[in-house]
Amino acid sequence: PVCPVPLTVRGKADLSMKRRLGGSERDILVVQSNLAVTCEMLGRSEQALHAKREVYSGMVRLIGGEHESTLLAASNYANSLICLRRFEEAKSLSRKTIAVARRALGEGHRITLKMQWFYSESIYKDDCATLDDLHEAVGTLEDTARISRRLLGSAHPLAMAIEGSLRDARAALHARETPPGSALKSH
């Protein structure tokens, strides 16, 4: 196995060279996106988040918010926000992007499904989520899971990941709805 550190050095060198040689902004954004993935692999989550934010902003500026590549960048950015437990930011970005993805790509597009999944995760993983929030997360995931099963099949990795989150969201909802000690009272 190759150590990922040289990838970071090579990626930074590639990015620097593209900038010096006047590479297109889109090529530079692709390299930045690859660097973000490498940073994540190295456990540098904050650096990865910063790079993903720059890529998303750059894509919006370069090709517009409705382009599939921009929506994919938004999806990657939202996922990083969730991993860093920045749920309010993830929820805001996802909510805004879901509407755009539905309009531009359609209800059943994989990016639309991912954004709905990430939106729900930003809710049910948040310890501050209200009971209403958890109901919303479960409802959104039920719809998303149904659509993903129908379009992708239940064995597709995305459909399976959404199903797993649906189970987790239902468990979070059940835990919140069940009063503490109620299981001990029933004999």
Foldseek 3Di string as FASTA:
>chain_A
DDDLVVVLVVLVVVLVVCVVVVNDLLVNLVSLQVNLVSCVVVVNLVSSLVSLVVSLVSCCVPPRCLDPVNLVSLLVNLVSCVVVLVLVVSLVSLVVSLVSCCVRPNCLDPSNLSSLLSNLSSQLVDPPHDLVSLVVSLVSLVVSLVSCCVPPNCPDPSSVVSVVVNVVSVVSNVVVVDDPPPVVPPD
